[in-house]
Structure formats: structure tokens, C-alpha cells
Amino acid sequence: LFPHKFKPREWESEFTAYAEKYPTVRQLVLE
């Protein structure tokens, strides 16, 4: 495997809130 060169950033808390609106894969599988 190659050493990654992905440069992250510090995401604002609003993006955490955006993500929480969507179902997880577990929820979809159970549905």
C-alpha cells in the first residue's frame, strides 16, 4: 500500500449535523 497523501481539514460541526440526517447502512438493511 502507498503512504497516503490525503490532506484532511477540521470540519465545522454543521457538517456533523448534516450527516446525522441520513440513514446508516445498518438502518437501510434493517428497513
PDB file of all heavy atoms in Angstrom:
ATOM      1  N   LEU A   1       0.834  -1.197   0.000  1.00  0.00           N
ATOM      2  CA  LEU A   1       0.000   0.000   0.000  1.00  0.00           C
ATOM      3  C   LEU A   1       0.873   1.252   0.000  1.00  0.00           C
ATOM      4  O   LEU A   1       1.943   1.291   0.603  1.00  0.00           O
ATOM      5  CB  LEU A   1      -0.911   0.002   1.231  1.00  0.00           C
ATOM      6  CG  LEU A   1      -1.878  -1.186   1.353  1.00  0.00           C
ATOM      7  CD1 LEU A   1      -2.738  -1.035   2.597  1.00  0.00           C
ATOM      8  CD2 LEU A   1      -2.750  -1.317   0.109  1.00  0.00           C
ATOM      9  N   PHE A   2       0.389   2.260  -0.704  1.00  0.00           N
ATOM     10  CA  PHE A   2       1.118   3.524  -0.798  1.00  0.00           C
ATOM     11  C   PHE A   2       0.883   4.368   0.457  1.00  0.00           C
ATOM     12  O   PHE A   2      -0.242   4.395   0.972  1.00  0.00           O
ATOM     13  CB  PHE A   2       0.649   4.329  -2.016  1.00  0.00           C
ATOM     14  CG  PHE A   2       0.928   3.671  -3.337  1.00  0.00           C
ATOM     15  CD1 PHE A   2       0.047   2.741  -3.872  1.00  0.00           C
ATOM     16  CD2 PHE A   2       2.060   4.000  -4.072  1.00  0.00           C
ATOM     17  CE1 PHE A   2       0.284   2.144  -5.094  1.00  0.00           C
ATOM     18  CE2 PHE A   2       2.305   3.405  -5.288  1.00  0.00           C
ATOM     19  CZ  PHE A   2       1.427   2.473  -5.806  1.00  0.00           C
ATOM     20  N   PRO A   3       1.880   5.079   0.941  1.00  0.00           N
ATOM     21  CA  PRO A   3       1.618   6.054   2.012  1.00  0.00           C
ATOM     22  C   PRO A   3       0.645   7.114   1.472  1.00  0.00           C
ATOM     23  O   PRO A   3       0.897   7.710   0.432  1.00  0.00           O
ATOM     24  CB  PRO A   3       2.995   6.658   2.303  1.00  0.00           C
ATOM     25  CG  PRO A   3       3.978   5.695   1.726  1.00  0.00           C
ATOM     26  CD  PRO A   3       3.303   5.052   0.554  1.00  0.00           C
ATOM     27  N   HIS A   4      -0.463   7.320   2.170  1.00  0.00           N
ATOM     28  CA  HIS A   4      -1.474   8.235   1.632  1.00  0.00           C
ATOM     29  C   HIS A   4      -0.962   9.677   1.642  1.00  0.00           C
ATOM     30  O   HIS A   4      -0.108  10.057   2.458  1.00  0.00           O
ATOM     31  CB  HIS A   4      -2.777   8.127   2.431  1.00  0.00           C
ATOM     32  CG  HIS A   4      -2.725   8.790   3.771  1.00  0.00           C
ATOM     33  ND1 HIS A   4      -2.940  10.146   3.936  1.00  0.00           N
ATOM     34  CD2 HIS A   4      -2.488   8.306   5.013  1.00  0.00           C
ATOM     35  CE1 HIS A   4      -2.846  10.459   5.203  1.00  0.00           C
ATOM     36  NE2 HIS A   4      -2.564   9.368   5.887  1.00  0.00           N
ATOM     37  N   LYS A   5      -1.504  10.468   0.715  1.00  0.00           N
ATOM     38  CA  LYS A   5      -1.194  11.899   0.652  1.00  0.00           C
ATOM     39  C   LYS A   5      -2.464  12.736   0.809  1.00  0.00           C
ATOM     40  O   LYS A   5      -2.510  13.890   0.400  1.00  0.00           O
ATOM     41  CB  LYS A   5      -0.502  12.231  -0.675  1.00  0.00           C
ATOM     42  CG  LYS A   5       0.856  11.549  -0.849  1.00  0.00           C
ATOM     43  CD  LYS A   5       1.505  11.946  -2.174  1.00  0.00           C
ATOM     44  CE  LYS A   5       2.852  11.262  -2.343  1.00  0.00           C
ATOM     45  NZ  LYS A   5       3.490  11.621  -3.645  1.00  0.00           N
ATOM     46  N   PHE A   6      -3.483  12.107   1.391  1.00  0.00           N
ATOM     47  CA  PHE A   6      -4.764  12.780   1.592  1.00  0.00           C
ATOM     48  C   PHE A   6      -4.599  13.849   2.668  1.00  0.00           C
ATOM     49  O   PHE A   6      -4.148  13.567   3.779  1.00  0.00           O
ATOM     50  CB  PHE A   6      -5.820  11.761   2.024  1.00  0.00           C
ATOM     51  CG  PHE A   6      -7.208  12.308   2.129  1.00  0.00           C
ATOM     52  CD1 PHE A   6      -8.086  12.236   1.068  1.00  0.00           C
ATOM     53  CD2 PHE A   6      -7.657  12.900   3.304  1.00  0.00           C
ATOM     54  CE1 PHE A   6      -9.383  12.729   1.164  1.00  0.00           C
ATOM     55  CE2 PHE A   6      -8.938  13.397   3.418  1.00  0.00           C
ATOM     56  CZ  PHE A   6      -9.802  13.307   2.338  1.00  0.00           C
ATOM     57  N   LYS A   7      -4.951  15.072   2.335  1.00  0.00           N
ATOM     58  CA  LYS A   7      -4.814  16.187   3.273  1.00  0.00           C
ATOM     59  C   LYS A   7      -6.180  16.493   3.890  1.00  0.00           C
ATOM     60  O   LYS A   7      -7.075  17.002   3.219  1.00  0.00           O
ATOM     61  CB  LYS A   7      -4.265  17.421   2.565  1.00  0.00           C
ATOM     62  CG  LYS A   7      -2.859  17.212   1.997  1.00  0.00           C
ATOM     63  CD  LYS A   7      -2.371  18.456   1.254  1.00  0.00           C
ATOM     64  CE  LYS A   7      -0.981  18.226   0.683  1.00  0.00           C
ATOM     65  NZ  LYS A   7      -0.493  19.415  -0.070  1.00  0.00           N
ATOM     66  N   PRO A   8      -6.349  16.183   5.170  1.00  0.00           N
ATOM     67  CA  PRO A   8      -7.643  16.426   5.831  1.00  0.00           C
ATOM     68  C   PRO A   8      -7.819  17.889   6.209  1.00  0.00           C
ATOM     69  O   PRO A   8      -6.934  18.715   6.003  1.00  0.00           O
ATOM     70  CB  PRO A   8      -7.562  15.535   7.075  1.00  0.00           C
ATOM     71  CG  PRO A   8      -6.106  15.463   7.378  1.00  0.00           C
ATOM     72  CD  PRO A   8      -5.377  15.541   6.057  1.00  0.00           C
ATOM     73  N   ARG A   9      -8.981  18.211   6.735  1.00  0.00           N
ATOM     74  CA  ARG A   9      -9.248  19.532   7.288  1.00  0.00           C
ATOM     75  C   ARG A   9     -10.120  19.366   8.521  1.00  0.00           C
ATOM     76  O   ARG A   9     -10.714  18.300   8.735  1.00  0.00           O
ATOM     77  CB  ARG A   9      -9.931  20.454   6.260  1.00  0.00           C
ATOM     78  CG  ARG A   9     -11.400  20.150   6.061  1.00  0.00           C
ATOM     79  CD  ARG A   9     -12.044  20.988   4.976  1.00  0.00           C
ATOM     80  NE  ARG A   9     -12.166  22.388   5.287  1.00  0.00           N
ATOM     81  CZ  ARG A   9     -13.190  22.944   5.911  1.00  0.00           C
ATOM     82  NH1 ARG A   9     -14.211  22.183   6.314  1.00  0.00           N
ATOM     83  NH2 ARG A   9     -13.242  24.234   6.125  1.00  0.00           N
ATOM     84  N   GLU A  10     -10.190  20.381   9.327  1.00  0.00           N
ATOM     85  CA  GLU A  10     -11.065  20.364  10.505  1.00  0.00           C
ATOM     86  C   GLU A  10     -12.453  20.810  10.059  1.00  0.00           C
ATOM     87  O   GLU A  10     -12.671  21.979   9.719  1.00  0.00           O
ATOM     88  CB  GLU A  10     -10.511  21.316  11.567  1.00  0.00           C
ATOM     89  CG  GLU A  10     -11.149  21.152  12.934  1.00  0.00           C
ATOM     90  CD  GLU A  10     -10.762  19.867  13.614  1.00  0.00           C
ATOM     91  OE1 GLU A  10      -9.638  19.374  13.376  1.00  0.00           O
ATOM     92  OE2 GLU A  10     -11.601  19.338  14.379  1.00  0.00           O
ATOM     93  N   TRP A  11     -13.407  19.869  10.056  1.00  0.00           N
ATOM     94  CA  TRP A  11     -14.749  20.178   9.580  1.00  0.00           C
ATOM     95  C   TRP A  11     -15.577  20.847  10.666  1.00  0.00           C
ATOM     96  O   TRP A  11     -15.513  20.460  11.838  1.00  0.00           O
ATOM     97  CB  TRP A  11     -15.447  18.914   9.088  1.00  0.00           C
ATOM     98  CG  TRP A  11     -14.854  18.402   7.817  1.00  0.00           C
ATOM     99  CD1 TRP A  11     -13.929  17.410   7.683  1.00  0.00           C
ATOM    100  CD2 TRP A  11     -15.118  18.872   6.496  1.00  0.00           C
ATOM    101  NE1 TRP A  11     -13.606  17.234   6.362  1.00  0.00           N
ATOM    102  CE2 TRP A  11     -14.323  18.122   5.612  1.00  0.00           C
ATOM    103  CE3 TRP A  11     -15.961  19.859   5.981  1.00  0.00           C
ATOM    104  CZ2 TRP A  11     -14.337  18.326   4.231  1.00  0.00           C
ATOM    105  CZ3 TRP A  11     -15.983  20.062   4.603  1.00  0.00           C
ATOM    106  CH2 TRP A  11     -15.179  19.303   3.751  1.00  0.00           C
ATOM    107  N   GLU A  12     -16.347  21.835  10.263  1.00  0.00           N
ATOM    108  CA  GLU A  12     -17.236  22.522  11.182  1.00  0.00           C
ATOM    109  C   GLU A  12     -18.321  21.561  11.685  1.00  0.00           C
ATOM    110  O   GLU A  12     -18.693  20.606  11.004  1.00  0.00           O
ATOM    111  CB  GLU A  12     -17.882  23.729  10.502  1.00  0.00           C
ATOM    112  CG  GLU A  12     -16.894  24.828  10.106  1.00  0.00           C
ATOM    113  CD  GLU A  12     -16.172  24.558   8.801  1.00  0.00           C
ATOM    114  OE1 GLU A  12     -16.377  23.464   8.214  1.00  0.00           O
ATOM    115  OE2 GLU A  12     -15.391  25.409   8.361  1.00  0.00           O
ATOM    116  N   SER A  13     -18.844  21.836  12.880  1.00  0.00           N
ATOM    117  CA  SER A  13     -19.834  20.950  13.494  1.00  0.00           C
ATOM    118  C   SER A  13     -21.099  20.837  12.648  1.00  0.00           C
ATOM    119  O   SER A  13     -21.829  19.848  12.746  1.00  0.00           O
ATOM    120  CB  SER A  13     -20.184  21.445  14.898  1.00  0.00           C
ATOM    121  OG  SER A  13     -20.712  22.765  14.855  1.00  0.00           O
ATOM    122  N   GLU A  14     -21.365  21.826  11.802  1.00  0.00           N
ATOM    123  CA  GLU A  14     -22.579  21.776  10.979  1.00  0.00           C
ATOM    124  C   GLU A  14     -22.562  20.573  10.043  1.00  0.00           C
ATOM    125  O   GLU A  14     -23.614  20.007   9.713  1.00  0.00           O
ATOM    126  CB  GLU A  14     -22.732  23.059  10.161  1.00  0.00           C
ATOM    127  CG  GLU A  14     -21.625  23.290   9.141  1.00  0.00           C
ATOM    128  CD  GLU A  14     -21.698  24.654   8.489  1.00  0.00           C
ATOM    129  OE1 GLU A  14     -22.535  24.809   7.582  1.00  0.00           O
ATOM    130  OE2 GLU A  14     -20.929  25.547   8.885  1.00  0.00           O
ATOM    131  N   PHE A  15     -21.370  20.146   9.608  1.00  0.00           N
ATOM    132  CA  PHE A  15     -21.289  19.007   8.703  1.00  0.00           C
ATOM    133  C   PHE A  15     -21.605  17.707   9.433  1.00  0.00           C
ATOM    134  O   PHE A  15     -22.129  16.770   8.826  1.00  0.00           O
ATOM    135  CB  PHE A  15     -19.915  18.959   8.030  1.00  0.00           C
ATOM    136  CG  PHE A  15     -19.724  20.056   7.027  1.00  0.00           C
ATOM    137  CD1 PHE A  15     -19.085  21.238   7.371  1.00  0.00           C
ATOM    138  CD2 PHE A  15     -20.219  19.928   5.738  1.00  0.00           C
ATOM    139  CE1 PHE A  15     -18.929  22.263   6.455  1.00  0.00           C
ATOM    140  CE2 PHE A  15     -20.070  20.951   4.812  1.00  0.00           C
ATOM    141  CZ  PHE A  15     -19.429  22.123   5.167  1.00  0.00           C
ATOM    142  N   THR A  16     -21.296  17.648  10.713  1.00  0.00           N
ATOM    143  CA  THR A  16     -21.719  16.505  11.517  1.00  0.00           C
ATOM    144  C   THR A  16     -23.234  16.452  11.577  1.00  0.00           C
ATOM    145  O   THR A  16     -23.852  15.385  11.446  1.00  0.00           O
ATOM    146  CB  THR A  16     -21.152  16.605  12.942  1.00  0.00           C
ATOM    147  OG1 THR A  16     -19.723  16.643  12.877  1.00  0.00           O
ATOM    148  CG2 THR A  16     -21.587  15.428  13.787  1.00  0.00           C
ATOM    149  N   ALA A  17     -23.859  17.613  11.746  1.00  0.00           N
ATOM    150  CA  ALA A  17     -25.326  17.693  11.799  1.00  0.00           C
ATOM    151  C   ALA A  17     -25.943  17.295  10.462  1.00  0.00           C
ATOM    152  O   ALA A  17     -26.969  16.622  10.415  1.00  0.00           O
ATOM    153  CB  ALA A  17     -25.755  19.099  12.196  1.00  0.00           C
ATOM    154  N   TYR A  18     -25.321  17.723   9.354  1.00  0.00           N
ATOM    155  CA  TYR A  18     -25.827  17.335   8.036  1.00  0.00           C
ATOM    156  C   TYR A  18     -25.842  15.818   7.905  1.00  0.00           C
ATOM    157  O   TYR A  18     -26.815  15.213   7.442  1.00  0.00           O
ATOM    158  CB  TYR A  18     -24.949  17.917   6.922  1.00  0.00           C
ATOM    159  CG  TYR A  18     -24.949  19.424   6.813  1.00  0.00           C
ATOM    160  CD1 TYR A  18     -23.777  20.103   6.476  1.00  0.00           C
ATOM    161  CD2 TYR A  18     -26.091  20.169   7.036  1.00  0.00           C
ATOM    162  CE1 TYR A  18     -23.760  21.489   6.363  1.00  0.00           C
ATOM    163  CE2 TYR A  18     -26.084  21.554   6.926  1.00  0.00           C
ATOM    164  CZ  TYR A  18     -24.906  22.209   6.591  1.00  0.00           C
ATOM    165  OH  TYR A  18     -24.890  23.575   6.486  1.00  0.00           O
ATOM    166  N   ALA A  19     -24.736  15.180   8.302  1.00  0.00           N
ATOM    167  CA  ALA A  19     -24.597  13.736   8.129  1.00  0.00           C
ATOM    168  C   ALA A  19     -25.593  12.960   8.969  1.00  0.00           C
ATOM    169  O   ALA A  19     -26.046  11.879   8.566  1.00  0.00           O
ATOM    170  CB  ALA A  19     -23.166  13.319   8.475  1.00  0.00           C
ATOM    171  N   GLU A  20     -25.947  13.487  10.130  1.00  0.00           N
ATOM    172  CA  GLU A  20     -26.863  12.775  11.031  1.00  0.00           C
ATOM    173  C   GLU A  20     -28.281  12.680  10.477  1.00  0.00           C
ATOM    174  O   GLU A  20     -29.095  11.907  10.996  1.00  0.00           O
ATOM    175  CB  GLU A  20     -26.878  13.467  12.395  1.00  0.00           C
ATOM    176  CG  GLU A  20     -25.578  13.290  13.177  1.00  0.00           C
ATOM    177  CD  GLU A  20     -25.541  14.102  14.454  1.00  0.00           C
ATOM    178  OE1 GLU A  20     -26.465  14.944  14.631  1.00  0.00           O
ATOM    179  OE2 GLU A  20     -24.613  13.919  15.259  1.00  0.00           O
ATOM    180  N   LYS A  21     -28.588  13.434   9.434  1.00  0.00           N
ATOM    181  CA  LYS A  21     -29.929  13.397   8.851  1.00  0.00           C
ATOM    182  C   LYS A  21     -30.148  12.177   7.959  1.00  0.00           C
ATOM    183  O   LYS A  21     -31.280  11.877   7.574  1.00  0.00           O
ATOM    184  CB  LYS A  21     -30.180  14.663   8.034  1.00  0.00           C
ATOM    185  CG  LYS A  21     -30.137  15.960   8.849  1.00  0.00           C
ATOM    186  CD  LYS A  21     -30.295  17.174   7.943  1.00  0.00           C
ATOM    187  CE  LYS A  21     -30.198  18.470   8.716  1.00  0.00           C
ATOM    188  NZ  LYS A  21     -30.311  19.659   7.825  1.00  0.00           N
ATOM    189  N   TYR A  22     -29.068  11.487   7.623  1.00  0.00           N
ATOM    190  CA  TYR A  22     -29.162  10.379   6.670  1.00  0.00           C
ATOM    191  C   TYR A  22     -29.149   9.033   7.396  1.00  0.00           C
ATOM    192  O   TYR A  22     -28.562   8.891   8.467  1.00  0.00           O
ATOM    193  CB  TYR A  22     -27.992  10.429   5.682  1.00  0.00           C
ATOM    194  CG  TYR A  22     -27.993  11.649   4.799  1.00  0.00           C
ATOM    195  CD1 TYR A  22     -27.269  12.775   5.146  1.00  0.00           C
ATOM    196  CD2 TYR A  22     -28.738  11.683   3.628  1.00  0.00           C
ATOM    197  CE1 TYR A  22     -27.265  13.907   4.345  1.00  0.00           C
ATOM    198  CE2 TYR A  22     -28.744  12.805   2.816  1.00  0.00           C
ATOM    199  CZ  TYR A  22     -28.005  13.913   3.181  1.00  0.00           C
ATOM    200  OH  TYR A  22     -28.014  15.033   2.382  1.00  0.00           O
ATOM    201  N   PRO A  23     -29.779   8.018   6.794  1.00  0.00           N
ATOM    202  CA  PRO A  23     -29.754   6.687   7.408  1.00  0.00           C
ATOM    203  C   PRO A  23     -28.376   6.047   7.280  1.00  0.00           C
ATOM    204  O   PRO A  23     -27.637   6.316   6.327  1.00  0.00           O
ATOM    205  CB  PRO A  23     -30.792   5.910   6.585  1.00  0.00           C
ATOM    206  CG  PRO A  23     -30.775   6.574   5.236  1.00  0.00           C
ATOM    207  CD  PRO A  23     -30.546   8.041   5.533  1.00  0.00           C
ATOM    208  N   THR A  24     -28.031   5.219   8.240  1.00  0.00           N
ATOM    209  CA  THR A  24     -26.806   4.432   8.157  1.00  0.00           C
ATOM    210  C   THR A  24     -27.075   3.192   7.311  1.00  0.00           C
ATOM    211  O   THR A  24     -28.235   2.853   7.023  1.00  0.00           O
ATOM    212  CB  THR A  24     -26.326   4.006   9.543  1.00  0.00           C
ATOM    213  OG1 THR A  24     -27.310   3.124  10.119  1.00  0.00           O
ATOM    214  CG2 THR A  24     -26.135   5.226  10.458  1.00  0.00           C
ATOM    215  N   VAL A  25     -26.020   2.500   6.945  1.00  0.00           N
ATOM    216  CA  VAL A  25     -26.202   1.278   6.171  1.00  0.00           C
ATOM    217  C   VAL A  25     -26.977   0.249   6.996  1.00  0.00           C
ATOM    218  O   VAL A  25     -27.798  -0.509   6.445  1.00  0.00           O
ATOM    219  CB  VAL A  25     -24.844   0.716   5.696  1.00  0.00           C
ATOM    220  CG1 VAL A  25     -23.949   0.340   6.868  1.00  0.00           C
ATOM    221  CG2 VAL A  25     -25.051  -0.493   4.791  1.00  0.00           C
ATOM    222  N   ARG A  26     -26.755   0.225   8.299  1.00  0.00           N
ATOM    223  CA  ARG A  26     -27.482  -0.726   9.147  1.00  0.00           C
ATOM    224  C   ARG A  26     -28.981  -0.428   9.133  1.00  0.00           C
ATOM    225  O   ARG A  26     -29.811  -1.346   9.034  1.00  0.00           O
ATOM    226  CB  ARG A  26     -26.944  -0.684  10.581  1.00  0.00           C
ATOM    227  CG  ARG A  26     -27.585  -1.720  11.501  1.00  0.00           C
ATOM    228  CD  ARG A  26     -27.021  -1.644  12.915  1.00  0.00           C
ATOM    229  NE  ARG A  26     -27.625  -2.662  13.772  1.00  0.00           N
ATOM    230  CZ  ARG A  26     -27.158  -3.892  13.948  1.00  0.00           C
ATOM    231  NH1 ARG A  26     -26.072  -4.269  13.284  1.00  0.00           N
ATOM    232  NH2 ARG A  26     -27.761  -4.753  14.745  1.00  0.00           N
ATOM    233  N   GLN A  27     -29.341   0.844   9.246  1.00  0.00           N
ATOM    234  CA  GLN A  27     -30.759   1.202   9.204  1.00  0.00           C
ATOM    235  C   GLN A  27     -31.394   0.786   7.882  1.00  0.00           C
ATOM    236  O   GLN A  27     -32.495   0.236   7.849  1.00  0.00           O
ATOM    237  CB  GLN A  27     -30.920   2.706   9.412  1.00  0.00           C
ATOM    238  CG  GLN A  27     -30.709   3.173  10.845  1.00  0.00           C
ATOM    239  CD  GLN A  27     -30.766   4.689  10.946  1.00  0.00           C
ATOM    240  OE1 GLN A  27     -30.012   5.396  10.292  1.00  0.00           O
ATOM    241  NE2 GLN A  27     -31.674   5.191  11.775  1.00  0.00           N
ATOM    242  N   LEU A  28     -30.716   1.045   6.774  1.00  0.00           N
ATOM    243  CA  LEU A  28     -31.270   0.702   5.467  1.00  0.00           C
ATOM    244  C   LEU A  28     -31.428  -0.802   5.301  1.00  0.00           C
ATOM    245  O   LEU A  28     -32.426  -1.277   4.735  1.00  0.00           O
ATOM    246  CB  LEU A  28     -30.369   1.262   4.359  1.00  0.00           C
ATOM    247  CG  LEU A  28     -30.359   2.780   4.211  1.00  0.00           C
ATOM    248  CD1 LEU A  28     -29.383   3.205   3.119  1.00  0.00           C
ATOM    249  CD2 LEU A  28     -31.749   3.311   3.903  1.00  0.00           C
ATOM    250  N   VAL A  29     -30.451  -1.553   5.794  1.00  0.00           N
ATOM    251  CA  VAL A  29     -30.535  -3.013   5.700  1.00  0.00           C
ATOM    252  C   VAL A  29     -31.697  -3.538   6.542  1.00  0.00           C
ATOM    253  O   VAL A  29     -32.446  -4.428   6.118  1.00  0.00           O
ATOM    254  CB  VAL A  29     -29.198  -3.649   6.137  1.00  0.00           C
ATOM    255  CG1 VAL A  29     -29.353  -5.147   6.369  1.00  0.00           C
ATOM    256  CG2 VAL A  29     -28.127  -3.400   5.073  1.00  0.00           C
ATOM    257  N   LEU A  30     -31.866  -2.984   7.736  1.00  0.00           N
ATOM    258  CA  LEU A  30     -32.983  -3.400   8.587  1.00  0.00           C
ATOM    259  C   LEU A  30     -34.330  -3.024   7.963  1.00  0.00           C
ATOM    260  O   LEU A  30     -35.295  -3.797   8.039  1.00  0.00           O
ATOM    261  CB  LEU A  30     -32.845  -2.773   9.972  1.00  0.00           C
ATOM    262  CG  LEU A  30     -31.838  -3.439  10.914  1.00  0.00           C
ATOM    263  CD1 LEU A  30     -31.498  -2.525  12.076  1.00  0.00           C
ATOM    264  CD2 LEU A  30     -32.383  -4.770  11.433  1.00  0.00           C
ATOM    265  N   GLU A  31     -34.397  -1.843   7.361  1.00  0.00           N
ATOM    266  CA  GLU A  31     -35.644  -1.440   6.694  1.00  0.00           C
ATOM    267  C   GLU A  31     -35.977  -2.396   5.555  1.00  0.00           C
ATOM    268  O   GLU A  31     -37.147  -2.744   5.337  1.00  0.00           O
ATOM    269  CB  GLU A  31     -35.515  -0.009   6.176  1.00  0.00           C
ATOM    270  CG  GLU A  31     -35.556   1.049   7.277  1.00  0.00           C
ATOM    271  CD  GLU A  31     -35.292   2.450   6.762  1.00  0.00           C
ATOM    272  OE1 GLU A  31     -35.281   2.636   5.528  1.00  0.00           O
ATOM    273  OE2 GLU A  31     -35.094   3.367   7.584  1.00  0.00           O
TER     274      GLU A  31
END
